[in-house]
mmCIF file of all heavy atoms, coordinates in Angstrom:
data_MODEL
# 
_entry.id   MODEL 
# 
loop_
_atom_site.group_PDB 
_atom_site.id 
_atom_site.type_symbol 
_atom_site.label_atom_id 
_atom_site.label_alt_id 
_atom_site.label_comp_id 
_atom_site.label_asym_id 
_atom_site.label_entity_id 
_atom_site.label_seq_id 
_atom_site.pdbx_PDB_ins_code 
_atom_site.Cartn_x 
_atom_site.Cartn_y 
_atom_site.Cartn_z 
_atom_site.occupancy 
_atom_site.B_iso_or_equiv 
_atom_site.pdbx_formal_charge 
_atom_site.auth_seq_id 
_atom_site.auth_comp_id 
_atom_site.auth_asym_id 
_atom_site.auth_atom_id 
_atom_site.pdbx_PDB_model_num 
ATOM 1   N N   . GLN A 1 1  ? 0.778  -1.258  -0.010 1.00 0.00 ? 1  GLN A N   1 
ATOM 2   C CA  . GLN A 1 1  ? -0.011 -0.017  -0.021 1.00 0.00 ? 1  GLN A CA  1 
ATOM 3   C C   . GLN A 1 1  ? 0.812  1.246   0.012  1.00 0.00 ? 1  GLN A C   1 
ATOM 4   O O   . GLN A 1 1  ? 0.378  2.378   -0.398 1.00 0.00 ? 1  GLN A O   1 
ATOM 5   C CB  . GLN A 1 1  ? -0.917 0.051   1.207  1.00 0.00 ? 1  GLN A CB  1 
ATOM 6   C CG  . GLN A 1 1  ? -1.876 -1.134  1.296  1.00 0.00 ? 1  GLN A CG  1 
ATOM 7   C CD  . GLN A 1 1  ? -2.807 -1.245  0.040  1.00 0.00 ? 1  GLN A CD  1 
ATOM 8   O OE1 . GLN A 1 1  ? -3.331 -0.246  -0.364 1.00 0.00 ? 1  GLN A OE1 1 
ATOM 9   N NE2 . GLN A 1 1  ? -2.989 -2.433  -0.469 1.00 0.00 ? 1  GLN A NE2 1 
ATOM 10  N N   . ASN A 1 2  ? 2.022  1.234   0.513  1.00 0.00 ? 2  ASN A N   1 
ATOM 11  C CA  . ASN A 1 2  ? 2.846  2.497   0.625  1.00 0.00 ? 2  ASN A CA  1 
ATOM 12  C C   . ASN A 1 2  ? 4.353  2.225   0.358  1.00 0.00 ? 2  ASN A C   1 
ATOM 13  O O   . ASN A 1 2  ? 4.780  1.023   0.313  1.00 0.00 ? 2  ASN A O   1 
ATOM 14  C CB  . ASN A 1 2  ? 2.608  3.077   1.993  1.00 0.00 ? 2  ASN A CB  1 
ATOM 15  C CG  . ASN A 1 2  ? 2.968  2.194   3.123  1.00 0.00 ? 2  ASN A CG  1 
ATOM 16  O OD1 . ASN A 1 2  ? 4.030  1.647   3.230  1.00 0.00 ? 2  ASN A OD1 1 
ATOM 17  N ND2 . ASN A 1 2  ? 1.961  1.790   3.916  1.00 0.00 ? 2  ASN A ND2 1 
ATOM 18  N N   . LYS A 1 3  ? 5.105  3.326   0.215  1.00 0.00 ? 3  LYS A N   1 
ATOM 19  C CA  . LYS A 1 3  ? 6.459  3.188   -0.081 1.00 0.00 ? 3  LYS A CA  1 
ATOM 20  C C   . LYS A 1 3  ? 7.299  2.621   1.033  1.00 0.00 ? 3  LYS A C   1 
ATOM 21  O O   . LYS A 1 3  ? 8.280  1.917   0.826  1.00 0.00 ? 3  LYS A O   1 
ATOM 22  C CB  . LYS A 1 3  ? 7.015  4.604   -0.402 1.00 0.00 ? 3  LYS A CB  1 
ATOM 23  C CG  . LYS A 1 3  ? 6.546  5.228   -1.662 1.00 0.00 ? 3  LYS A CG  1 
ATOM 24  C CD  . LYS A 1 3  ? 7.078  6.550   -1.925 1.00 0.00 ? 3  LYS A CD  1 
ATOM 25  C CE  . LYS A 1 3  ? 6.706  7.221   -3.279 1.00 0.00 ? 3  LYS A CE  1 
ATOM 26  N NZ  . LYS A 1 3  ? 7.216  8.464   -3.606 1.00 0.00 ? 3  LYS A NZ  1 
ATOM 27  N N   . GLN A 1 4  ? 6.855  2.825   2.298  1.00 0.00 ? 4  GLN A N   1 
ATOM 28  C CA  . GLN A 1 4  ? 7.502  2.220   3.496  1.00 0.00 ? 4  GLN A CA  1 
ATOM 29  C C   . GLN A 1 4  ? 7.512  0.693   3.384  1.00 0.00 ? 4  GLN A C   1 
ATOM 30  O O   . GLN A 1 4  ? 8.547  0.093   3.634  1.00 0.00 ? 4  GLN A O   1 
ATOM 31  C CB  . GLN A 1 4  ? 6.892  2.767   4.802  1.00 0.00 ? 4  GLN A CB  1 
ATOM 32  C CG  . GLN A 1 4  ? 7.686  2.269   6.020  1.00 0.00 ? 4  GLN A CG  1 
ATOM 33  C CD  . GLN A 1 4  ? 9.085  2.753   5.982  1.00 0.00 ? 4  GLN A CD  1 
ATOM 34  O OE1 . GLN A 1 4  ? 9.423  3.739   5.508  1.00 0.00 ? 4  GLN A OE1 1 
ATOM 35  N NE2 . GLN A 1 4  ? 9.896  1.879   6.691  1.00 0.00 ? 4  GLN A NE2 1 
ATOM 36  N N   . GLN A 1 5  ? 6.451  0.097   3.027  1.00 0.00 ? 5  GLN A N   1 
ATOM 37  C CA  . GLN A 1 5  ? 6.336  -1.381  2.956  1.00 0.00 ? 5  GLN A CA  1 
ATOM 38  C C   . GLN A 1 5  ? 7.304  -1.798  1.831  1.00 0.00 ? 5  GLN A C   1 
ATOM 39  O O   . GLN A 1 5  ? 7.932  -2.795  2.072  1.00 0.00 ? 5  GLN A O   1 
ATOM 40  C CB  . GLN A 1 5  ? 4.921  -1.743  2.660  1.00 0.00 ? 5  GLN A CB  1 
ATOM 41  C CG  . GLN A 1 5  ? 3.971  -1.558  3.822  1.00 0.00 ? 5  GLN A CG  1 
ATOM 42  C CD  . GLN A 1 5  ? 2.537  -2.065  3.479  1.00 0.00 ? 5  GLN A CD  1 
ATOM 43  O OE1 . GLN A 1 5  ? 2.095  -1.791  2.287  1.00 0.00 ? 5  GLN A OE1 1 
ATOM 44  N NE2 . GLN A 1 5  ? 1.892  -2.689  4.293  1.00 0.00 ? 5  GLN A NE2 1 
ATOM 45  N N   . ARG A 1 6  ? 7.310  -1.107  0.752  1.00 0.00 ? 6  ARG A N   1 
ATOM 46  C CA  . ARG A 1 6  ? 8.175  -1.484  -0.335 1.00 0.00 ? 6  ARG A CA  1 
ATOM 47  C C   . ARG A 1 6  ? 9.689  -1.387  0.032  1.00 0.00 ? 6  ARG A C   1 
ATOM 48  O O   . ARG A 1 6  ? 10.467 -2.238  -0.245 1.00 0.00 ? 6  ARG A O   1 
ATOM 49  C CB  . ARG A 1 6  ? 7.899  -0.653  -1.546 1.00 0.00 ? 6  ARG A CB  1 
ATOM 50  C CG  . ARG A 1 6  ? 6.477  -0.750  -2.169 1.00 0.00 ? 6  ARG A CG  1 
ATOM 51  C CD  . ARG A 1 6  ? 6.495  -0.052  -3.463 1.00 0.00 ? 6  ARG A CD  1 
ATOM 52  N NE  . ARG A 1 6  ? 5.136  -0.170  -4.083 1.00 0.00 ? 6  ARG A NE  1 
ATOM 53  C CZ  . ARG A 1 6  ? 4.119  0.649   -3.938 1.00 0.00 ? 6  ARG A CZ  1 
ATOM 54  N NH1 . ARG A 1 6  ? 4.306  1.723   -3.168 1.00 0.00 ? 6  ARG A NH1 1 
ATOM 55  N NH2 . ARG A 1 6  ? 2.913  0.523   -4.359 1.00 0.00 ? 6  ARG A NH2 1 
ATOM 56  N N   . LYS A 1 7  ? 9.977  -0.312  0.837  1.00 0.00 ? 7  LYS A N   1 
ATOM 57  C CA  . LYS A 1 7  ? 11.328 -0.050  1.185  1.00 0.00 ? 7  LYS A CA  1 
ATOM 58  C C   . LYS A 1 7  ? 11.791 -1.289  2.161  1.00 0.00 ? 7  LYS A C   1 
ATOM 59  O O   . LYS A 1 7  ? 12.926 -1.738  2.095  1.00 0.00 ? 7  LYS A O   1 
ATOM 60  C CB  . LYS A 1 7  ? 11.459 1.255   1.912  1.00 0.00 ? 7  LYS A CB  1 
ATOM 61  C CG  . LYS A 1 7  ? 12.856 1.626   2.437  1.00 0.00 ? 7  LYS A CG  1 
ATOM 62  C CD  . LYS A 1 7  ? 12.852 3.021   3.060  1.00 0.00 ? 7  LYS A CD  1 
ATOM 63  C CE  . LYS A 1 7  ? 14.281 3.344   3.486  1.00 0.00 ? 7  LYS A CE  1 
ATOM 64  N NZ  . LYS A 1 7  ? 14.340 4.709   4.066  1.00 0.00 ? 7  LYS A NZ  1 
ATOM 65  N N   . VAL A 1 8  ? 10.961 -1.615  3.141  1.00 0.00 ? 8  VAL A N   1 
ATOM 66  C CA  . VAL A 1 8  ? 11.367 -2.710  3.995  1.00 0.00 ? 8  VAL A CA  1 
ATOM 67  C C   . VAL A 1 8  ? 11.479 -4.009  3.182  1.00 0.00 ? 8  VAL A C   1 
ATOM 68  O O   . VAL A 1 8  ? 12.354 -4.756  3.507  1.00 0.00 ? 8  VAL A O   1 
ATOM 69  C CB  . VAL A 1 8  ? 10.200 -2.895  5.041  1.00 0.00 ? 8  VAL A CB  1 
ATOM 70  C CG1 . VAL A 1 8  ? 10.461 -4.222  5.912  1.00 0.00 ? 8  VAL A CG1 1 
ATOM 71  C CG2 . VAL A 1 8  ? 10.117 -1.676  6.044  1.00 0.00 ? 8  VAL A CG2 1 
ATOM 72  N N   . TYR A 1 9  ? 10.659 -4.295  2.217  1.00 0.00 ? 9  TYR A N   1 
ATOM 73  C CA  . TYR A 1 9  ? 10.675 -5.467  1.461  1.00 0.00 ? 9  TYR A CA  1 
ATOM 74  C C   . TYR A 1 9  ? 11.985 -5.410  0.593  1.00 0.00 ? 9  TYR A C   1 
ATOM 75  O O   . TYR A 1 9  ? 12.660 -6.534  0.562  1.00 0.00 ? 9  TYR A O   1 
ATOM 76  C CB  . TYR A 1 9  ? 9.460  -5.544  0.489  1.00 0.00 ? 9  TYR A CB  1 
ATOM 77  C CG  . TYR A 1 9  ? 9.464  -6.612  -0.369 1.00 0.00 ? 9  TYR A CG  1 
ATOM 78  C CD1 . TYR A 1 9  ? 9.298  -8.006  0.028  1.00 0.00 ? 9  TYR A CD1 1 
ATOM 79  C CD2 . TYR A 1 9  ? 9.535  -6.546  -1.777 1.00 0.00 ? 9  TYR A CD2 1 
ATOM 80  C CE1 . TYR A 1 9  ? 9.232  -9.083  -0.803 1.00 0.00 ? 9  TYR A CE1 1 
ATOM 81  C CE2 . TYR A 1 9  ? 9.518  -7.620  -2.693 1.00 0.00 ? 9  TYR A CE2 1 
ATOM 82  C CZ  . TYR A 1 9  ? 9.380  -8.910  -2.151 1.00 0.00 ? 9  TYR A CZ  1 
ATOM 83  O OH  . TYR A 1 9  ? 9.392  -10.001 -3.002 1.00 0.00 ? 9  TYR A OH  1 
ATOM 84  N N   . VAL A 1 10 ? 12.326 -4.297  0.143  1.00 0.00 ? 10 VAL A N   1 
ATOM 85  C CA  . VAL A 1 10 ? 13.520 -4.232  -0.750 1.00 0.00 ? 10 VAL A CA  1 
ATOM 86  C C   . VAL A 1 10 ? 14.848 -4.518  0.153  1.00 0.00 ? 10 VAL A C   1 
ATOM 87  O O   . VAL A 1 10 ? 15.693 -5.258  -0.259 1.00 0.00 ? 10 VAL A O   1 
ATOM 88  C CB  . VAL A 1 10 ? 13.704 -2.801  -1.386 1.00 0.00 ? 10 VAL A CB  1 
ATOM 89  C CG1 . VAL A 1 10 ? 14.997 -2.638  -1.850 1.00 0.00 ? 10 VAL A CG1 1 
ATOM 90  C CG2 . VAL A 1 10 ? 12.710 -2.701  -2.522 1.00 0.00 ? 10 VAL A CG2 1 
ATOM 91  N N   . LYS A 1 11 ? 14.850 -3.970  1.346  1.00 0.00 ? 11 LYS A N   1 
ATOM 92  C CA  . LYS A 1 11 ? 16.022 -4.226  2.206  1.00 0.00 ? 11 LYS A CA  1 
ATOM 93  C C   . LYS A 1 11 ? 16.130 -5.668  2.616  1.00 0.00 ? 11 LYS A C   1 
ATOM 94  O O   . LYS A 1 11 ? 17.209 -6.197  2.705  1.00 0.00 ? 11 LYS A O   1 
ATOM 95  C CB  . LYS A 1 11 ? 15.879 -3.202  3.466  1.00 0.00 ? 11 LYS A CB  1 
ATOM 96  C CG  . LYS A 1 11 ? 16.209 -1.840  3.185  1.00 0.00 ? 11 LYS A CG  1 
ATOM 97  C CD  . LYS A 1 11 ? 16.171 -1.071  4.407  1.00 0.00 ? 11 LYS A CD  1 
ATOM 98  C CE  . LYS A 1 11 ? 16.446 0.394   4.123  1.00 0.00 ? 11 LYS A CE  1 
ATOM 99  N NZ  . LYS A 1 11 ? 17.933 0.616   3.712  1.00 0.00 ? 11 LYS A NZ  1 
ATOM 100 N N   . ARG A 1 12 ? 15.021 -6.248  2.917  1.00 0.00 ? 12 ARG A N   1 
ATOM 101 C CA  . ARG A 1 12 ? 14.970 -7.627  3.217  1.00 0.00 ? 12 ARG A CA  1 
ATOM 102 C C   . ARG A 1 12 ? 15.553 -8.455  2.035  1.00 0.00 ? 12 ARG A C   1 
ATOM 103 O O   . ARG A 1 12 ? 16.308 -9.428  2.303  1.00 0.00 ? 12 ARG A O   1 
ATOM 104 C CB  . ARG A 1 12 ? 13.583 -8.124  3.687  1.00 0.00 ? 12 ARG A CB  1 
ATOM 105 C CG  . ARG A 1 12 ? 13.539 -9.549  4.159  1.00 0.00 ? 12 ARG A CG  1 
ATOM 106 C CD  . ARG A 1 12 ? 12.064 -10.018 4.490  1.00 0.00 ? 12 ARG A CD  1 
ATOM 107 N NE  . ARG A 1 12 ? 11.413 -9.111  5.352  1.00 0.00 ? 12 ARG A NE  1 
ATOM 108 C CZ  . ARG A 1 12 ? 10.318 -8.406  5.134  1.00 0.00 ? 12 ARG A CZ  1 
ATOM 109 N NH1 . ARG A 1 12 ? 9.771  -8.499  3.912  1.00 0.00 ? 12 ARG A NH1 1 
ATOM 110 N NH2 . ARG A 1 12 ? 9.750  -7.669  6.007  1.00 0.00 ? 12 ARG A NH2 1 
ATOM 111 N N   . THR A 1 13 ? 15.116 -8.155  0.821  1.00 0.00 ? 13 THR A N   1 
ATOM 112 C CA  . THR A 1 13 ? 15.632 -8.894  -0.307 1.00 0.00 ? 13 THR A CA  1 
ATOM 113 C C   . THR A 1 13 ? 17.062 -8.666  -0.510 1.00 0.00 ? 13 THR A C   1 
ATOM 114 O O   . THR A 1 13 ? 17.859 -9.628  -0.794 1.00 0.00 ? 13 THR A O   1 
ATOM 115 C CB  . THR A 1 13 ? 14.827 -8.439  -1.568 1.00 0.00 ? 13 THR A CB  1 
ATOM 116 O OG1 . THR A 1 13 ? 13.426 -8.664  -1.341 1.00 0.00 ? 13 THR A OG1 1 
ATOM 117 C CG2 . THR A 1 13 ? 15.363 -9.271  -2.789 1.00 0.00 ? 13 THR A CG2 1 
ATOM 118 N N   . GLN A 1 14 ? 17.563 -7.479  -0.245 1.00 0.00 ? 14 GLN A N   1 
ATOM 119 C CA  . GLN A 1 14 ? 18.991 -7.148  -0.392 1.00 0.00 ? 14 GLN A CA  1 
ATOM 120 C C   . GLN A 1 14 ? 19.815 -7.963  0.632  1.00 0.00 ? 14 GLN A C   1 
ATOM 121 O O   . GLN A 1 14 ? 20.842 -8.458  0.191  1.00 0.00 ? 14 GLN A O   1 
ATOM 122 C CB  . GLN A 1 14 ? 19.227 -5.687  -0.072 1.00 0.00 ? 14 GLN A CB  1 
ATOM 123 C CG  . GLN A 1 14 ? 20.690 -5.217  -0.140 1.00 0.00 ? 14 GLN A CG  1 
ATOM 124 C CD  . GLN A 1 14 ? 20.962 -3.775  0.065  1.00 0.00 ? 14 GLN A CD  1 
ATOM 125 O OE1 . GLN A 1 14 ? 20.054 -3.124  0.579  1.00 0.00 ? 14 GLN A OE1 1 
ATOM 126 N NE2 . GLN A 1 14 ? 22.002 -3.376  -0.261 1.00 0.00 ? 14 GLN A NE2 1 
ATOM 127 N N   . ARG A 1 15 ? 19.365 -8.113  1.861  1.00 0.00 ? 15 ARG A N   1 
ATOM 128 C CA  . ARG A 1 15 ? 20.122 -8.887  2.818  1.00 0.00 ? 15 ARG A CA  1 
ATOM 129 C C   . ARG A 1 15 ? 20.140 -10.332 2.385  1.00 0.00 ? 15 ARG A C   1 
ATOM 130 O O   . ARG A 1 15 ? 21.144 -11.057 2.578  1.00 0.00 ? 15 ARG A O   1 
ATOM 131 C CB  . ARG A 1 15 ? 19.392 -8.806  4.172  1.00 0.00 ? 15 ARG A CB  1 
ATOM 132 C CG  . ARG A 1 15 ? 19.657 -7.434  4.887  1.00 0.00 ? 15 ARG A CG  1 
ATOM 133 C CD  . ARG A 1 15 ? 19.302 -7.501  6.331  1.00 0.00 ? 15 ARG A CD  1 
ATOM 134 N NE  . ARG A 1 15 ? 17.882 -7.836  6.526  1.00 0.00 ? 15 ARG A NE  1 
ATOM 135 C CZ  . ARG A 1 15 ? 17.002 -6.873  6.661  1.00 0.00 ? 15 ARG A CZ  1 
ATOM 136 N NH1 . ARG A 1 15 ? 17.304 -5.574  6.643  1.00 0.00 ? 15 ARG A NH1 1 
ATOM 137 N NH2 . ARG A 1 15 ? 15.682 -7.256  6.890  1.00 0.00 ? 15 ARG A NH2 1 
ATOM 138 N N   . TYR A 1 16 ? 19.026 -10.819 1.859  1.00 0.00 ? 16 TYR A N   1 
ATOM 139 C CA  . TYR A 1 16 ? 19.062 -12.205 1.431  1.00 0.00 ? 16 TYR A CA  1 
ATOM 140 C C   . TYR A 1 16 ? 20.080 -12.487 0.243  1.00 0.00 ? 16 TYR A C   1 
ATOM 141 O O   . TYR A 1 16 ? 20.847 -13.406 0.333  1.00 0.00 ? 16 TYR A O   1 
ATOM 142 C CB  . TYR A 1 16 ? 17.562 -12.618 0.920  1.00 0.00 ? 16 TYR A CB  1 
ATOM 143 C CG  . TYR A 1 16 ? 17.527 -14.012 0.282  1.00 0.00 ? 16 TYR A CG  1 
ATOM 144 C CD1 . TYR A 1 16 ? 17.475 -15.176 1.147  1.00 0.00 ? 16 TYR A CD1 1 
ATOM 145 C CD2 . TYR A 1 16 ? 17.671 -14.149 -1.131 1.00 0.00 ? 16 TYR A CD2 1 
ATOM 146 C CE1 . TYR A 1 16 ? 17.369 -16.353 0.597  1.00 0.00 ? 16 TYR A CE1 1 
ATOM 147 C CE2 . TYR A 1 16 ? 17.604 -15.446 -1.687 1.00 0.00 ? 16 TYR A CE2 1 
ATOM 148 C CZ  . TYR A 1 16 ? 17.401 -16.469 -0.804 1.00 0.00 ? 16 TYR A CZ  1 
ATOM 149 O OH  . TYR A 1 16 ? 17.429 -17.756 -1.267 1.00 0.00 ? 16 TYR A OH  1 
ATOM 150 N N   . ILE A 1 17 ? 20.111 -11.573 -0.727 1.00 0.00 ? 17 ILE A N   1 
ATOM 151 C CA  . ILE A 1 17 ? 21.064 -11.649 -1.890 1.00 0.00 ? 17 ILE A CA  1 
ATOM 152 C C   . ILE A 1 17 ? 22.461 -11.535 -1.296 1.00 0.00 ? 17 ILE A C   1 
ATOM 153 O O   . ILE A 1 17 ? 23.286 -12.411 -1.717 1.00 0.00 ? 17 ILE A O   1 
ATOM 154 C CB  . ILE A 1 17 ? 20.753 -10.599 -2.856 1.00 0.00 ? 17 ILE A CB  1 
ATOM 155 C CG1 . ILE A 1 17 ? 19.338 -10.691 -3.559 1.00 0.00 ? 17 ILE A CG1 1 
ATOM 156 C CG2 . ILE A 1 17 ? 21.840 -10.569 -3.909 1.00 0.00 ? 17 ILE A CG2 1 
ATOM 157 C CD1 . ILE A 1 17 ? 19.225 -11.960 -4.314 1.00 0.00 ? 17 ILE A CD1 1 
ATOM 158 N N   . GLU A 1 18 ? 22.731 -10.688 -0.446 1.00 0.00 ? 18 GLU A N   1 
ATOM 159 C CA  . GLU A 1 18 ? 24.047 -10.460 0.058  1.00 0.00 ? 18 GLU A CA  1 
ATOM 160 C C   . GLU A 1 18 ? 24.493 -11.707 0.814  1.00 0.00 ? 18 GLU A C   1 
ATOM 161 O O   . GLU A 1 18 ? 25.753 -12.184 0.670  1.00 0.00 ? 18 GLU A O   1 
ATOM 162 C CB  . GLU A 1 18 ? 24.126 -9.247  0.898  1.00 0.00 ? 18 GLU A CB  1 
ATOM 163 C CG  . GLU A 1 18 ? 24.039 -7.916  0.183  1.00 0.00 ? 18 GLU A CG  1 
ATOM 164 C CD  . GLU A 1 18 ? 23.986 -6.727  1.084  1.00 0.00 ? 18 GLU A CD  1 
ATOM 165 O OE1 . GLU A 1 18 ? 23.831 -6.887  2.262  1.00 0.00 ? 18 GLU A OE1 1 
ATOM 166 O OE2 . GLU A 1 18 ? 24.050 -5.573  0.617  1.00 0.00 ? 18 GLU A OE2 1 
ATOM 167 N N   . ASP A 1 19 ? 23.653 -12.208 1.612  1.00 0.00 ? 19 ASP A N   1 
ATOM 168 C CA  . ASP A 1 19 ? 23.981 -13.375 2.500  1.00 0.00 ? 19 ASP A CA  1 
ATOM 169 C C   . ASP A 1 19 ? 24.247 -14.695 1.635  1.00 0.00 ? 19 ASP A C   1 
ATOM 170 O O   . ASP A 1 19 ? 25.131 -15.460 2.003  1.00 0.00 ? 19 ASP A O   1 
ATOM 171 C CB  . ASP A 1 19 ? 22.946 -13.673 3.383  1.00 0.00 ? 19 ASP A CB  1 
ATOM 172 C CG  . ASP A 1 19 ? 22.894 -12.603 4.613  1.00 0.00 ? 19 ASP A CG  1 
ATOM 173 O OD1 . ASP A 1 19 ? 23.855 -11.853 4.713  1.00 0.00 ? 19 ASP A OD1 1 
ATOM 174 O OD2 . ASP A 1 19 ? 21.822 -12.534 5.246  1.00 0.00 ? 19 ASP A OD2 1 
ATOM 175 N N   . HIS A 1 20 ? 23.549 -14.817 0.566  1.00 0.00 ? 20 HIS A N   1 
ATOM 176 C CA  . HIS A 1 20 ? 23.564 -16.042 -0.217 1.00 0.00 ? 20 HIS A CA  1 
ATOM 177 C C   . HIS A 1 20 ? 24.446 -16.083 -1.464 1.00 0.00 ? 20 HIS A C   1 
ATOM 178 O O   . HIS A 1 20 ? 24.758 -17.113 -1.927 1.00 0.00 ? 20 HIS A O   1 
ATOM 179 C CB  . HIS A 1 20 ? 22.082 -16.476 -0.568 1.00 0.00 ? 20 HIS A CB  1 
ATOM 180 C CG  . HIS A 1 20 ? 21.351 -17.000 0.613  1.00 0.00 ? 20 HIS A CG  1 
ATOM 181 N ND1 . HIS A 1 20 ? 20.731 -16.033 1.557  1.00 0.00 ? 20 HIS A ND1 1 
ATOM 182 C CD2 . HIS A 1 20 ? 20.976 -18.163 1.023  1.00 0.00 ? 20 HIS A CD2 1 
ATOM 183 C CE1 . HIS A 1 20 ? 20.057 -16.737 2.443  1.00 0.00 ? 20 HIS A CE1 1 
ATOM 184 N NE2 . HIS A 1 20 ? 20.212 -18.017 2.121  1.00 0.00 ? 20 HIS A NE2 1 
ATOM 185 N N   . PHE A 1 21 ? 24.662 -14.866 -2.065 1.00 0.00 ? 21 PHE A N   1 
ATOM 186 C CA  . PHE A 1 21 ? 25.240 -14.872 -3.422 1.00 0.00 ? 21 PHE A CA  1 
ATOM 187 C C   . PHE A 1 21 ? 26.549 -13.969 -3.503 1.00 0.00 ? 21 PHE A C   1 
ATOM 188 O O   . PHE A 1 21 ? 27.099 -13.962 -4.570 1.00 0.00 ? 21 PHE A O   1 
ATOM 189 C CB  . PHE A 1 21 ? 24.302 -14.417 -4.441 1.00 0.00 ? 21 PHE A CB  1 
ATOM 190 C CG  . PHE A 1 21 ? 23.118 -15.338 -4.468 1.00 0.00 ? 21 PHE A CG  1 
ATOM 191 C CD1 . PHE A 1 21 ? 21.856 -14.963 -3.947 1.00 0.00 ? 21 PHE A CD1 1 
ATOM 192 C CD2 . PHE A 1 21 ? 23.165 -16.510 -5.071 1.00 0.00 ? 21 PHE A CD2 1 
ATOM 193 C CE1 . PHE A 1 21 ? 20.745 -15.707 -3.968 1.00 0.00 ? 21 PHE A CE1 1 
ATOM 194 C CE2 . PHE A 1 21 ? 22.063 -17.412 -5.147 1.00 0.00 ? 21 PHE A CE2 1 
ATOM 195 C CZ  . PHE A 1 21 ? 20.842 -17.010 -4.603 1.00 0.00 ? 21 PHE A CZ  1 
ATOM 196 N N   . THR A 1 22 ? 26.873 -13.256 -2.383 1.00 0.00 ? 22 THR A N   1 
ATOM 197 C CA  . THR A 1 22 ? 28.116 -12.413 -2.539 1.00 0.00 ? 22 THR A CA  1 
ATOM 198 C C   . THR A 1 22 ? 29.346 -13.090 -2.986 1.00 0.00 ? 22 THR A C   1 
ATOM 199 O O   . THR A 1 22 ? 30.014 -12.704 -3.943 1.00 0.00 ? 22 THR A O   1 
ATOM 200 C CB  . THR A 1 22 ? 28.355 -11.677 -1.131 1.00 0.00 ? 22 THR A CB  1 
ATOM 201 O OG1 . THR A 1 22 ? 27.206 -10.880 -0.799 1.00 0.00 ? 22 THR A OG1 1 
ATOM 202 C CG2 . THR A 1 22 ? 29.547 -10.803 -1.310 1.00 0.00 ? 22 THR A CG2 1 
ATOM 203 N N   . ASP A 1 23 ? 29.723 -14.173 -2.297 1.00 0.00 ? 23 ASP A N   1 
ATOM 204 C CA  . ASP A 1 23 ? 30.927 -14.929 -2.705 1.00 0.00 ? 23 ASP A CA  1 
ATOM 205 C C   . ASP A 1 23 ? 30.923 -15.421 -4.113 1.00 0.00 ? 23 ASP A C   1 
ATOM 206 O O   . ASP A 1 23 ? 31.891 -15.370 -4.805 1.00 0.00 ? 23 ASP A O   1 
ATOM 207 C CB  . ASP A 1 23 ? 31.136 -15.999 -1.690 1.00 0.00 ? 23 ASP A CB  1 
ATOM 208 C CG  . ASP A 1 23 ? 31.442 -15.582 -0.293 1.00 0.00 ? 23 ASP A CG  1 
ATOM 209 O OD1 . ASP A 1 23 ? 31.857 -14.385 -0.118 1.00 0.00 ? 23 ASP A OD1 1 
ATOM 210 O OD2 . ASP A 1 23 ? 31.338 -16.369 0.690  1.00 0.00 ? 23 ASP A OD2 1 
ATOM 211 N N   . GLU A 1 24 ? 29.799 -15.929 -4.479 1.00 0.00 ? 24 GLU A N   1 
ATOM 212 C CA  . GLU A 1 24 ? 29.763 -16.484 -5.860 1.00 0.00 ? 24 GLU A CA  1 
ATOM 213 C C   . GLU A 1 24 ? 29.770 -15.334 -6.910 1.00 0.00 ? 24 GLU A C   1 
ATOM 214 O O   . GLU A 1 24 ? 30.498 -15.517 -7.971 1.00 0.00 ? 24 GLU A O   1 
ATOM 215 C CB  . GLU A 1 24 ? 28.426 -17.245 -6.079 1.00 0.00 ? 24 GLU A CB  1 
ATOM 216 C CG  . GLU A 1 24 ? 28.336 -18.662 -5.370 1.00 0.00 ? 24 GLU A CG  1 
ATOM 217 C CD  . GLU A 1 24 ? 29.501 -19.553 -5.962 1.00 0.00 ? 24 GLU A CD  1 
ATOM 218 O OE1 . GLU A 1 24 ? 29.571 -19.601 -7.117 1.00 0.00 ? 24 GLU A OE1 1 
ATOM 219 O OE2 . GLU A 1 24 ? 30.210 -20.101 -5.077 1.00 0.00 ? 24 GLU A OE2 1 
# 
């Protein structure tokens, strides 16, 4: 519904990507 929800979702996705794919 709002930008804040999207921002939180984006940050959560970023952490997932960094944790799982940085080294590769």
